Protein backbone atom coordinates (compact mmCIF):
# COMPACT_ATOMS: atom_id res chain seq x y z
CA MET A 1 2.72 -77.92 -90.65
CA LEU A 2 5.58 -79.04 -91.69
CA ASN A 3 8.36 -76.40 -91.75
CA SER A 4 11.18 -78.88 -92.36
CA PRO A 5 11.62 -82.66 -92.93
CA GLY A 6 10.58 -84.45 -90.21
CA ARG A 7 9.62 -81.05 -87.45
CA TYR A 8 6.50 -80.13 -86.48
CA GLU A 9 5.27 -76.12 -86.40
CA GLU A 10 2.34 -75.64 -83.95
CA LYS A 11 0.12 -73.45 -84.56
CA ARG A 12 -1.09 -72.31 -80.98
CA ARG A 13 -2.29 -68.32 -80.45
CA ASN A 14 -0.29 -68.57 -76.40
CA VAL A 15 2.90 -69.03 -75.48
CA ARG A 16 3.49 -72.55 -73.02
CA LYS A 17 5.11 -71.58 -69.72
CA PRO A 18 6.73 -75.18 -68.90
CA CYS A 19 6.37 -75.65 -64.77
CA SER A 20 6.40 -78.36 -62.58
CA ARG A 21 3.86 -77.75 -60.07
CA PRO A 22 1.60 -80.07 -57.93
CA THR A 23 -2.15 -80.00 -59.04
CA GLU A 24 -5.81 -81.12 -57.35
CA PHE A 25 -9.08 -81.22 -59.50
CA PHE A 26 -12.01 -82.31 -59.24
CA VAL A 27 -13.93 -83.85 -62.29
CA GLY A 28 -17.93 -83.59 -60.68
CA ASN A 29 -17.20 -84.39 -56.38
CA LEU A 30 -14.17 -86.85 -57.45
CA PRO A 31 -10.52 -85.36 -56.54
CA TYR A 32 -7.47 -86.28 -58.31
CA HIS A 33 -4.06 -85.07 -57.96
CA GLY A 34 -1.67 -84.31 -60.80
CA THR A 35 0.78 -82.01 -62.28
CA MET A 36 0.85 -78.95 -64.20
CA ARG A 37 3.93 -79.47 -66.90
CA ASN A 38 2.93 -76.38 -68.82
CA ILE A 39 0.74 -73.30 -68.45
CA SER A 40 -0.32 -70.76 -70.65
CA ILE A 41 -3.22 -68.18 -70.59
CA GLU A 42 -5.61 -70.41 -72.23
CA GLY A 43 -5.06 -74.01 -70.71
CA VAL A 44 -2.83 -76.00 -68.69
CA TYR A 45 -1.30 -79.75 -69.58
CA ILE A 46 -1.39 -81.85 -66.42
CA ALA A 47 0.13 -85.11 -65.66
CA THR A 48 -2.22 -87.66 -64.50
CA PRO A 49 -2.35 -91.13 -64.29
CA GLN A 50 -6.06 -91.10 -64.73
CA SER A 51 -8.15 -91.29 -68.05
CA PHE A 52 -10.30 -88.53 -68.92
CA SER A 53 -13.16 -88.00 -71.98
CA SER A 54 -12.61 -85.18 -73.57
CA GLY A 55 -15.54 -82.38 -73.12
CA GLN A 56 -15.59 -83.73 -69.38
CA VAL A 57 -15.18 -80.28 -66.99
CA ILE A 58 -13.13 -80.25 -64.20
CA ARG A 59 -12.47 -77.61 -61.49
CA LEU A 60 -8.69 -76.59 -60.78
CA LYS A 61 -6.70 -75.49 -57.61
CA PHE A 62 -3.14 -74.59 -57.16
CA ARG A 63 -1.11 -72.54 -55.79
CA SER A 64 0.41 -68.96 -57.17
CA SER A 65 4.09 -69.20 -58.08
CA LYS A 66 3.63 -64.90 -57.49
CA ASP A 67 2.26 -65.03 -53.91
CA GLY A 68 1.49 -68.64 -53.42
CA SER A 69 -2.41 -67.63 -52.86
CA ASP A 70 -4.65 -70.34 -54.31
CA ILE A 71 -6.15 -70.39 -57.20
CA GLN A 72 -9.27 -72.50 -58.70
CA LEU A 73 -10.15 -72.57 -62.32
CA THR A 74 -12.64 -74.00 -64.50
CA GLY A 75 -12.16 -75.95 -67.90
CA GLU A 76 -12.95 -78.46 -70.34
CA VAL A 77 -10.63 -81.54 -71.17
CA VAL A 78 -9.46 -81.53 -74.37
CA ARG A 79 -7.03 -83.73 -74.93
CA ASN A 80 -6.50 -87.27 -73.10
CA ASP A 81 -3.40 -89.05 -74.01
CA ILE A 82 -0.61 -91.64 -72.02
CA ASP A 83 0.89 -89.50 -69.58
CA GLY A 84 -1.95 -86.78 -68.94
CA ILE A 85 -4.75 -84.09 -69.82
CA GLY A 86 -4.68 -81.03 -71.62
CA VAL A 87 -7.17 -78.42 -70.37
CA ARG A 88 -8.64 -75.61 -72.05
CA PHE A 89 -9.84 -72.46 -69.54
CA LYS A 90 -13.45 -71.33 -69.74
CA HIS A 91 -12.92 -67.55 -69.08
């Protein structure tokens, strides 16, 4: 939505938290590595040179910033651009 000349308003339900956290993720049984750039309760943006199709299911693995424990989540690729992928978590 255009809210002033040249500026767009995002229509997101949840606030994204910027981060720079290494992550490992899997598409099928193939492992990939990337860097999480932002995260919210509903999803994450992962910087990665690999290209994936919308709808692909990934398993994501990273360490908690609070206690260092391993976190594993499943999500679906909802966006793919030159810098990485947007993933919506499956709840």
